[in-house]
Amino acid sequence: MPTSNSWDYNRTSGQIITAALEDLGAVTAGATVPSLLSAMALTRLNLIVKQYQGRSDGSPGLKIHTRQRVTLFLQEGQQTYLIGPASTDARATTRNGRTTIDVAEASGQTVLSVAATTDTTTEPGTTITMTAADIIGIELDDGTIHWTTIASVSAGDTVTVDDGIASAAAVGRYVWWFTSRAQRFPYIESAVLRNEDRNDIPLDIYTDTNQYDLGVPSKYADGTPSSILVEPLRITTRITLDSQPTDVTDTIVLTVYYPSEDYDGTGDDVAFPQEALMFLTMELEFALSRHVGVWTPQHEQARQEARTMYLNLNPENTTAYFQPGESG
């Protein structure tokens, strides 16, 4: 008999919930889960996946599937940036394109001539195309970036923006665009300063405000950033530079672990790799056992086995740590 020749097995949040309740004996196989019980289980599943964000469990390696590269665009004289999905947050994204102004544009212009409306160089191997409603930034002659949104794109070399540029932009000035703002992230691995030629310089990362305060004596001087303070807040992550940027063609590229996706309904696919499906099911069983079913030693043994295997996923990226009371 031939094999399936497929590798796309996954579960929805509802299927994880059903499996957990079946293992607990709260529902029989094939039965429909009552709506109130399903809603309670969906809440518990969201709480579980949110708890496993970041690296508080000492095993960041198991979250490699959430790793993202976030590009943060700098603004002249601005030291602090909030990364998050709101319109008032800094301009940061996981995927952006870059082109240049093709014909000198005067202040107030809304129809811009650009070298191209697609880009294959920012992320080699992919094509990034301008579309209506994308966020767009135009480097101006005064050294700032004018941010607005795209109204329309035509002819492959013309883009109309919603707000006229604030000052002139000469031929060769950069134009960046992206569709979605980056999300708040709970954990950062590395950061580099990327210049206009896409050469990178590593940045020092502070996560302790006291170390930042002591290590950066002149925080408001103009210059090229060499370190950043990273503070995950409630709905944004705050990035504070050690200087006020003077060159807006520089960007900061952050390698981060993204937050776990929400499960808004039982039809949502689980946004975890296949290796995590048993782990999530067993963790949900444990959380639900306080309300329904019976938790047995066999359940606990299965949970610990699933947990151990998942926590050892990608061990080369997992931090070794010790806790009081543990022995080798």
Protein backbone atom coordinates (compact mmCIF):
# COMPACT_ATOMS: atom_id res chain seq x y z
CA MET A 1 0.00 0.00 0.00
CA PRO A 2 1.50 3.40 -0.94
CA THR A 3 2.28 6.02 1.69
CA SER A 4 0.30 9.26 1.80
CA ASN A 5 3.13 11.37 0.34
CA SER A 6 1.88 14.30 2.43
CA TRP A 7 3.41 16.14 5.40
CA ASP A 8 0.79 18.76 6.25
CA TYR A 9 -0.89 17.18 9.27
CA ASN A 10 -2.21 19.72 11.74
CA ARG A 11 -5.03 20.17 14.23
CA THR A 12 -7.48 22.99 14.82
CA SER A 13 -7.95 24.37 18.30
CA GLY A 14 -11.33 22.61 18.36
CA GLN A 15 -9.73 19.25 17.53
CA ILE A 16 -7.14 19.75 20.30
CA ILE A 17 -9.99 20.52 22.70
CA THR A 18 -11.94 17.42 21.65
CA ALA A 19 -8.90 15.16 22.00
CA ALA A 20 -8.16 16.52 25.48
CA LEU A 21 -11.75 16.04 26.66
CA GLU A 22 -11.88 12.52 25.20
CA ASP A 23 -8.69 11.55 27.05
CA LEU A 24 -10.20 12.89 30.28
CA GLY A 25 -13.40 10.92 29.70
CA ALA A 26 -15.43 14.14 29.74
CA VAL A 27 -16.89 13.35 26.30
CA THR A 28 -17.16 10.10 24.38
CA ALA A 29 -15.37 9.58 21.08
CA GLY A 30 -17.30 11.18 18.24
CA ALA A 31 -19.62 13.15 20.51
CA THR A 32 -20.19 16.88 20.07
CA VAL A 33 -18.51 18.99 22.76
CA PRO A 34 -21.11 21.18 24.54
CA SER A 35 -20.68 24.82 23.61
CA LEU A 36 -20.05 26.06 27.17
CA LEU A 37 -17.42 23.38 27.75
CA SER A 38 -15.80 24.18 24.40
CA ALA A 39 -15.66 27.89 25.26
CA MET A 40 -14.03 27.16 28.61
CA ALA A 41 -11.47 24.87 26.96
CA LEU A 42 -10.69 27.47 24.29
CA THR A 43 -9.97 30.01 27.02
CA ARG A 44 -7.62 27.57 28.76
CA LEU A 45 -5.82 26.82 25.47
CA ASN A 46 -5.20 30.53 24.89
CA LEU A 47 -3.86 30.92 28.43
CA ILE A 48 -1.47 28.01 27.89
CA VAL A 49 0.00 29.24 24.62
CA LYS A 50 0.39 32.77 25.99
CA GLN A 51 2.22 31.45 29.05
CA TYR A 52 4.75 29.71 26.82
CA GLN A 53 5.79 32.91 25.04
CA GLY A 54 9.29 34.21 25.51
CA ARG A 55 11.81 32.17 27.45
CA SER A 56 10.51 31.99 31.01
CA ASP A 57 10.57 28.18 30.81
CA GLY A 58 14.30 28.21 30.06
CA SER A 59 13.73 26.67 26.64
CA PRO A 60 13.63 29.33 23.93
CA GLY A 61 14.69 26.71 21.41
CA LEU A 62 11.22 25.20 21.34
CA LYS A 63 9.82 28.45 19.97
CA ILE A 64 12.01 28.74 16.89
CA HIS A 65 8.84 28.54 14.80
CA THR A 66 7.93 32.03 16.11
CA ARG A 67 11.27 33.59 15.12
CA GLN A 68 10.93 36.73 13.00
CA ARG A 69 13.24 39.40 11.62
CA VAL A 70 11.76 42.80 12.39
CA THR A 71 13.03 45.86 10.53
CA LEU A 72 12.71 49.09 12.51
CA PHE A 73 12.87 52.30 10.47
CA LEU A 74 14.58 55.18 12.22
CA GLN A 75 13.57 58.82 12.31
CA GLU A 76 16.03 61.66 12.64
CA GLY A 77 16.37 62.77 16.27
CA GLN A 78 14.00 60.10 17.63
CA GLN A 79 15.47 57.99 20.40
CA THR A 80 12.50 55.86 21.55
CA TYR A 81 10.20 53.65 19.44
CA LEU A 82 7.16 51.55 20.26
CA ILE A 83 6.80 48.36 18.19
CA GLY A 84 3.21 47.20 17.91
CA PRO A 85 0.19 47.10 15.60
CA ALA A 86 -1.36 50.50 16.42
CA SER A 87 -1.16 53.37 13.94
CA THR A 88 0.67 55.47 16.51
CA ASP A 89 3.44 52.89 16.95
CA ALA A 90 6.83 53.10 15.27
CA ARG A 91 7.27 51.96 11.70
CA ALA A 92 8.47 48.37 12.05
CA THR A 93 7.63 45.30 10.00
CA THR A 94 8.67 41.73 9.26
CA ARG A 95 8.63 42.23 5.49
CA ASN A 96 9.35 45.34 3.44
CA GLY A 97 10.42 46.49 -0.01
CA ARG A 98 12.77 49.25 -1.08
CA THR A 99 13.16 51.31 -4.25
CA THR A 100 14.25 54.87 -5.13
CA ILE A 101 12.76 58.10 -6.43
CA ASP A 102 13.18 58.17 -10.22
CA VAL A 103 12.26 61.81 -10.95
CA ALA A 104 12.86 64.71 -8.55
CA GLU A 105 9.67 65.43 -6.62
CA ALA A 106 8.61 68.79 -5.17
CA SER A 107 7.08 69.41 -1.78
CA GLY A 108 3.38 68.52 -1.67
CA GLN A 109 3.58 66.00 -4.51
CA THR A 110 1.28 62.99 -4.22
CA VAL A 111 2.05 61.24 -7.53
CA LEU A 112 5.60 59.89 -7.28
CA SER A 113 7.85 58.40 -9.94
CA VAL A 114 9.82 55.47 -8.59
CA ALA A 115 12.42 53.15 -10.08
CA ALA A 116 10.15 50.14 -9.52
CA THR A 117 7.02 49.11 -7.64
CA THR A 118 8.46 45.67 -6.88
CA ASP A 119 11.58 44.63 -5.01
CA THR A 120 13.55 41.39 -5.11
CA THR A 121 16.66 42.60 -3.29
CA THR A 122 15.53 43.39 0.26
CA GLU A 123 14.60 39.74 0.76
CA PRO A 124 16.44 37.82 -1.98
CA GLY A 125 14.39 35.01 -3.47
CA THR A 126 11.06 36.76 -2.94
CA THR A 127 9.18 39.48 -4.78
CA ILE A 128 7.59 42.26 -2.73
CA THR A 129 5.06 44.38 -4.62
CA MET A 130 3.45 47.71 -3.69
CA THR A 131 -0.31 47.52 -3.20
CA ALA A 132 -2.98 50.04 -2.24
CA ALA A 133 -3.19 50.75 1.52
CA ASP A 134 0.44 49.73 2.11
CA ILE A 135 2.42 51.99 4.45
CA ILE A 136 5.07 53.91 2.52
CA GLY A 137 8.03 56.02 3.63
CA ILE A 138 9.85 58.50 1.36
CA GLU A 139 13.32 59.78 2.23
CA LEU A 140 13.27 63.57 1.89
CA ASP A 141 16.08 65.99 1.14
CA ASP A 142 15.89 67.41 4.67
CA GLY A 143 17.02 64.06 6.12
CA THR A 144 13.64 62.84 7.38
CA ILE A 145 11.22 60.15 6.22
CA HIS A 146 7.72 61.13 5.14
CA TRP A 147 5.30 58.36 6.12
CA THR A 148 1.89 57.95 4.52
CA THR A 149 -0.15 55.25 2.78
CA ILE A 150 -0.44 54.17 -0.83
CA ALA A 151 -3.62 55.24 -2.64
CA SER A 152 -2.86 53.45 -5.91
CA VAL A 153 -0.07 51.96 -8.01
CA SER A 154 0.16 52.17 -11.81
CA ALA A 155 2.46 51.47 -14.76
CA GLY A 156 5.08 49.73 -12.62
CA ASP A 157 6.86 53.02 -11.90
CA THR A 158 4.23 55.37 -10.46
CA VAL A 159 2.70 55.42 -7.01
CA THR A 160 0.05 57.80 -5.68
CA VAL A 161 0.13 58.48 -1.94
CA ASP A 162 -2.57 59.81 0.35
CA ASP A 163 -0.55 62.69 1.84
CA GLY A 164 1.72 64.95 -0.19
CA ILE A 165 5.39 64.78 0.75
CA ALA A 166 6.45 67.37 3.33
CA SER A 167 9.49 68.60 1.38
CA ALA A 168 11.40 67.86 -1.80
CA ALA A 169 12.85 64.43 -2.64
CA ALA A 170 15.71 64.21 -5.13
CA VAL A 171 16.40 61.42 -7.59
CA GLY A 172 17.90 58.44 -5.79
CA ARG A 173 16.20 59.06 -2.45
CA TYR A 174 14.95 55.83 -0.93
CA VAL A 175 11.34 54.70 -0.78
CA TRP A 176 10.30 51.90 1.58
CA TRP A 177 6.94 50.17 1.87
CA PHE A 178 5.27 47.40 3.81
CA THR A 179 1.80 45.99 4.42
CA SER A 180 1.64 45.16 8.14
CA ARG A 181 3.23 46.60 11.26
CA ALA A 182 5.21 44.26 13.48
CA GLN A 183 3.65 42.89 16.65
CA ARG A 184 4.89 43.37 20.18
CA PHE A 185 7.48 40.70 20.91
CA PRO A 186 8.38 39.19 24.31
CA TYR A 187 11.96 38.05 23.57
CA ILE A 188 14.88 39.26 21.45
CA GLU A 189 17.85 37.21 20.26
CA SER A 190 19.98 39.75 18.42
CA ALA A 191 20.04 43.18 16.80
CA VAL A 192 22.09 44.77 14.03
CA LEU A 193 22.32 48.22 12.49
CA ARG A 194 21.94 47.80 8.70
CA ASN A 195 23.20 50.60 6.46
CA GLU A 196 21.94 51.53 3.00
CA ASP A 197 24.36 49.05 1.41
CA ARG A 198 22.85 46.32 3.63
CA ASN A 199 26.01 45.83 5.64
CA ASP A 200 25.38 44.98 9.29
CA ILE A 201 26.99 46.12 12.55
CA PRO A 202 25.99 44.20 15.72
CA LEU A 203 24.24 46.22 18.42
CA ASP A 204 24.58 45.66 22.14
CA ILE A 205 21.27 44.77 23.76
CA TYR A 206 20.21 45.94 27.21
CA THR A 207 17.20 44.36 28.89
CA ASP A 208 17.93 45.83 32.32
CA THR A 209 17.17 49.53 32.73
CA ASN A 210 19.82 49.95 35.43
CA GLN A 211 22.52 48.56 33.12
CA TYR A 212 21.34 50.85 30.34
CA ASP A 213 21.29 53.91 32.60
CA LEU A 214 24.82 53.19 33.83
CA GLY A 215 26.19 52.04 30.48
CA VAL A 216 24.89 54.91 28.35
CA PRO A 217 25.97 58.20 29.94
CA SER A 218 24.92 60.51 27.06
CA LYS A 219 21.53 59.25 25.91
CA TYR A 220 20.38 62.23 23.86
CA ALA A 221 23.46 62.90 21.78
CA ASP A 222 23.08 62.83 18.01
CA GLY A 223 24.89 59.95 16.35
CA THR A 224 24.82 56.38 15.11
CA PRO A 225 23.20 53.90 17.53
CA SER A 226 25.48 51.24 18.97
CA SER A 227 23.17 49.74 21.62
CA ILE A 228 19.46 49.46 22.43
CA LEU A 229 17.30 48.98 25.50
CA VAL A 230 14.46 46.49 24.92
CA GLU A 231 11.37 46.60 27.17
CA PRO A 232 8.39 44.35 26.41
CA LEU A 233 5.34 46.28 27.61
CA ARG A 234 1.68 45.25 27.73
CA ILE A 235 0.76 45.81 24.08
CA THR A 236 4.03 47.12 22.61
CA THR A 237 7.75 46.54 22.90
CA ARG A 238 9.69 49.72 23.60
CA ILE A 239 13.07 50.20 21.92
CA THR A 240 15.31 52.96 23.27
CA LEU A 241 18.52 53.80 21.42
CA ASP A 242 21.73 55.06 22.98
CA SER A 243 21.74 58.07 20.66
CA GLN A 244 19.44 60.08 18.42
CA PRO A 245 19.83 58.87 14.80
CA THR A 246 21.18 61.23 12.16
CA ASP A 247 21.00 58.90 9.13
CA VAL A 248 17.53 57.62 8.23
CA THR A 249 18.91 55.27 5.58
CA ASP A 250 20.08 53.08 8.47
CA THR A 251 17.61 50.54 9.83
CA ILE A 252 17.69 48.28 12.87
CA VAL A 253 17.02 44.60 12.20
CA LEU A 254 15.89 42.64 15.26
CA THR A 255 15.76 38.86 15.47
CA VAL A 256 12.90 38.20 17.87
CA TYR A 257 10.46 35.58 19.06
CA TYR A 258 6.94 36.62 18.14
CA PRO A 259 4.01 36.16 20.55
CA SER A 260 1.80 33.11 20.16
CA GLU A 261 -1.19 33.67 17.93
CA ASP A 262 -4.68 34.01 19.44
CA TYR A 263 -7.25 31.25 18.99
CA ASP A 264 -10.42 33.21 18.38
CA GLY A 265 -12.51 30.17 17.48
CA THR A 266 -12.41 26.40 17.40
CA GLY A 267 -11.83 26.44 13.64
CA ASP A 268 -8.42 28.14 13.91
CA ASP A 269 -5.44 25.96 13.02
CA VAL A 270 -2.89 25.50 15.80
CA ALA A 271 0.08 27.76 15.05
CA PHE A 272 2.66 25.33 16.42
CA PRO A 273 4.83 22.73 14.67
CA GLN A 274 3.66 19.13 14.53
CA GLU A 275 6.06 18.21 17.34
CA ALA A 276 3.99 20.33 19.74
CA LEU A 277 0.55 18.83 19.13
CA MET A 278 0.75 16.16 21.83
CA PHE A 279 2.34 18.62 24.25
CA LEU A 280 -0.49 21.12 23.77
CA THR A 281 -3.11 18.40 24.11
CA MET A 282 -1.64 17.10 27.36
CA GLU A 283 -1.20 20.59 28.82
CA LEU A 284 -4.81 21.36 28.00
CA GLU A 285 -5.91 18.09 29.58
CA PHE A 286 -4.09 19.04 32.77
CA ALA A 287 -5.66 22.50 32.83
CA LEU A 288 -9.15 21.07 32.25
CA SER A 289 -8.80 18.24 34.75
CA ARG A 290 -9.49 20.64 37.61
CA HIS A 291 -12.94 21.20 36.14
CA VAL A 292 -13.87 18.00 34.29
CA GLY A 293 -12.75 14.38 34.17
CA VAL A 294 -10.24 12.59 36.35
CA TRP A 295 -6.47 13.15 36.41
CA THR A 296 -4.63 9.88 36.95
CA PRO A 297 -0.95 8.96 37.42
CA GLN A 298 -1.03 7.65 33.85
CA HIS A 299 -2.20 11.05 32.62
CA GLU A 300 0.62 12.76 34.51
CA GLN A 301 3.23 10.35 33.15
CA ALA A 302 2.05 10.96 29.59
CA ARG A 303 2.05 14.71 30.20
CA GLN A 304 5.60 14.69 31.53
CA GLU A 305 6.83 12.60 28.62
CA ALA A 306 5.23 14.93 26.08
CA ARG A 307 6.52 17.97 27.95
CA THR A 308 10.08 16.63 28.15
CA MET A 309 10.22 15.79 24.46
CA TYR A 310 8.90 19.19 23.46
CA LEU A 311 11.10 21.17 25.85
CA ASN A 312 14.12 19.39 24.36
CA LEU A 313 13.21 20.39 20.83
CA ASN A 314 16.16 22.18 19.22
CA PRO A 315 18.36 21.68 22.30
CA GLU A 316 21.26 23.67 20.82
CA ASN A 317 19.06 26.77 21.21
CA THR A 318 17.90 25.89 24.71
CA THR A 319 19.43 27.58 27.72
CA ALA A 320 20.74 25.34 30.49
CA TYR A 321 19.59 26.48 33.91
CA PHE A 322 19.32 25.22 37.49
CA GLN A 323 16.57 25.56 40.06
CA PRO A 324 16.71 25.18 43.86
CA GLY A 325 16.15 21.58 44.95
CA GLU A 326 17.34 20.05 41.67
CA SER A 327 20.18 17.59 41.68
CA GLY A 328 22.26 16.12 38.86
